[in-house]
Protein backbone atom coordinates (compact mmCIF):
# COMPACT_ATOMS: atom_id res chain seq x y z
CA MET A 1 -17.45 11.40 106.83
CA SER A 2 -17.65 14.82 105.24
CA THR A 3 -20.90 16.66 104.55
CA LEU A 4 -22.37 17.08 101.03
CA GLU A 5 -23.48 20.56 100.59
CA ARG A 6 -25.93 22.26 98.18
CA ASP A 7 -23.34 24.41 96.44
CA GLU A 8 -21.25 21.47 95.51
CA VAL A 9 -24.15 19.61 94.06
CA VAL A 10 -25.31 22.69 92.15
CA SER A 11 -21.79 23.08 90.77
CA LYS A 12 -21.69 19.54 89.56
CA LEU A 13 -25.19 19.90 87.97
CA GLN A 14 -24.14 23.08 86.21
CA ALA A 15 -20.98 21.38 84.85
CA TRP A 16 -23.26 18.63 83.47
CA GLN A 17 -25.51 21.30 81.86
CA GLN A 18 -22.51 22.98 80.33
CA GLN A 19 -21.28 19.53 79.10
CA SER A 20 -17.99 19.71 80.95
CA ILE A 21 -18.99 16.47 82.53
CA ASP A 22 -21.13 13.86 80.81
CA GLY A 23 -23.99 11.69 82.15
CA GLU A 24 -21.62 8.93 82.99
CA GLY A 25 -19.37 11.32 84.92
CA ILE A 26 -22.01 12.85 87.00
CA TRP A 27 -23.68 9.41 87.77
CA GLN A 28 -20.29 8.00 88.82
CA TRP A 29 -19.64 11.22 91.02
CA ALA A 30 -23.09 10.83 92.61
CA LEU A 31 -22.61 7.18 93.40
CA GLN A 32 -19.20 7.87 95.00
CA ALA A 33 -20.44 10.93 96.90
CA ALA A 34 -23.52 9.08 98.19
CA ALA A 35 -21.40 6.18 99.43
CA GLU A 36 -18.75 8.32 101.15
CA ARG A 37 -20.42 11.48 102.29
CA SER A 38 -23.58 12.48 104.27
CA THR A 39 -26.09 15.26 104.39
CA GLU A 40 -28.99 16.23 106.55
CA ASP A 41 -30.46 18.40 103.75
CA GLU A 42 -33.54 16.61 102.41
CA VAL A 43 -33.22 18.47 98.99
CA VAL A 44 -29.63 17.26 98.61
CA LYS A 45 -30.74 13.82 99.49
CA ALA A 46 -33.53 13.82 96.90
CA VAL A 47 -31.28 15.20 94.13
CA MET A 48 -28.65 12.60 94.98
CA GLU A 49 -31.23 9.84 94.74
CA MET A 50 -32.15 11.06 91.30
CA LEU A 51 -28.51 11.25 90.20
CA CYS A 52 -27.67 7.75 91.56
CA ALA A 53 -30.53 6.45 89.40
CA LEU A 54 -29.56 8.52 86.38
CA PRO A 55 -29.25 5.90 83.67
CA GLN A 56 -32.27 3.83 84.89
CA ASP A 57 -34.55 6.81 85.25
CA LEU A 58 -33.19 8.33 82.01
CA TRP A 59 -32.22 11.73 83.53
CA ILE A 60 -30.55 13.94 81.02
CA GLU A 61 -28.87 17.36 81.09
CA GLU A 62 -32.14 19.34 80.67
CA ASP A 63 -33.35 17.69 83.93
CA ALA A 64 -30.49 19.31 85.82
CA GLU A 65 -32.38 22.61 85.67
CA VAL A 66 -35.14 21.34 87.84
CA MET A 67 -32.66 19.95 90.37
CA VAL A 68 -30.72 23.17 90.40
CA ASP A 69 -33.91 25.18 90.91
CA ALA A 70 -34.88 22.91 93.88
CA LEU A 71 -31.41 23.27 95.42
CA ASN A 72 -31.52 27.04 95.03
CA ASN A 73 -34.78 27.42 96.90
CA PRO A 74 -34.44 28.70 100.48
CA LEU A 75 -34.19 26.06 103.25
CA GLU A 76 -37.53 27.16 104.52
CA GLN A 77 -39.04 25.82 101.25
CA THR A 78 -37.57 22.29 101.68
CA ASP A 79 -40.89 20.52 101.52
CA LEU A 80 -41.82 22.36 98.35
CA SER A 81 -38.52 21.59 96.79
CA VAL A 82 -38.64 17.85 97.67
CA ASN A 83 -42.26 17.69 96.32
CA LEU A 84 -41.09 19.29 93.08
CA LEU A 85 -38.33 16.66 92.69
CA TRP A 86 -40.68 13.77 93.53
CA ASN A 87 -43.37 14.93 91.11
CA TYR A 88 -41.05 15.93 88.30
CA PRO A 89 -40.81 12.33 86.78
CA ASP A 90 -44.69 12.50 86.19
CA ILE A 91 -44.20 15.22 83.56
CA VAL A 92 -41.31 13.61 81.63
CA ASP A 93 -42.29 11.86 78.49
CA LEU A 94 -40.34 8.61 79.13
CA ARG A 95 -41.62 6.85 75.98
CA SER A 96 -40.08 9.66 73.70
CA ARG A 97 -36.94 9.75 75.83
CA ARG A 98 -36.48 5.99 75.59
CA ARG A 99 -36.68 6.17 71.79
CA ALA A 100 -34.25 8.99 71.65
CA LEU A 101 -31.74 7.30 73.95
CA GLU A 102 -31.99 3.73 72.87
CA ASP A 103 -28.57 3.77 71.09
CA HIS A 104 -26.78 5.72 73.79
CA PRO A 105 -24.19 3.65 75.61
CA LEU A 106 -25.18 4.74 79.09
CA TYR A 107 -28.88 4.88 78.73
CA GLY A 108 -29.50 2.30 76.00
CA PRO A 109 -29.78 -0.84 78.26
CA TYR A 110 -32.59 0.94 80.18
CA CYS A 111 -34.56 1.90 77.24
CA VAL A 112 -36.48 -1.28 76.79
CA ASP A 113 -40.27 -0.96 76.66
């Protein structure tokens, strides 16, 4: 089993931000990578958990910036980065996001109040 490294995850997130990969694409990549690869990096694990729940949790391209920031922090700041990722959902306005994405083919089924 190969190792999933920060630089690969950052590269995928940046591709998503630049819209060279869509939400469905990064979600499918994350599901496959999580099933086939491993990592000891707690920040990579936290980001991959977020990406594997992308449609359910309504993660969109703008959220990738927070994930990239966490992945770009030094290894010594792993606890800080993981806490950032765990607490990030608390600041997202999910009600507005659900309304905005209710007709989107990927997110729509998860936009029920």
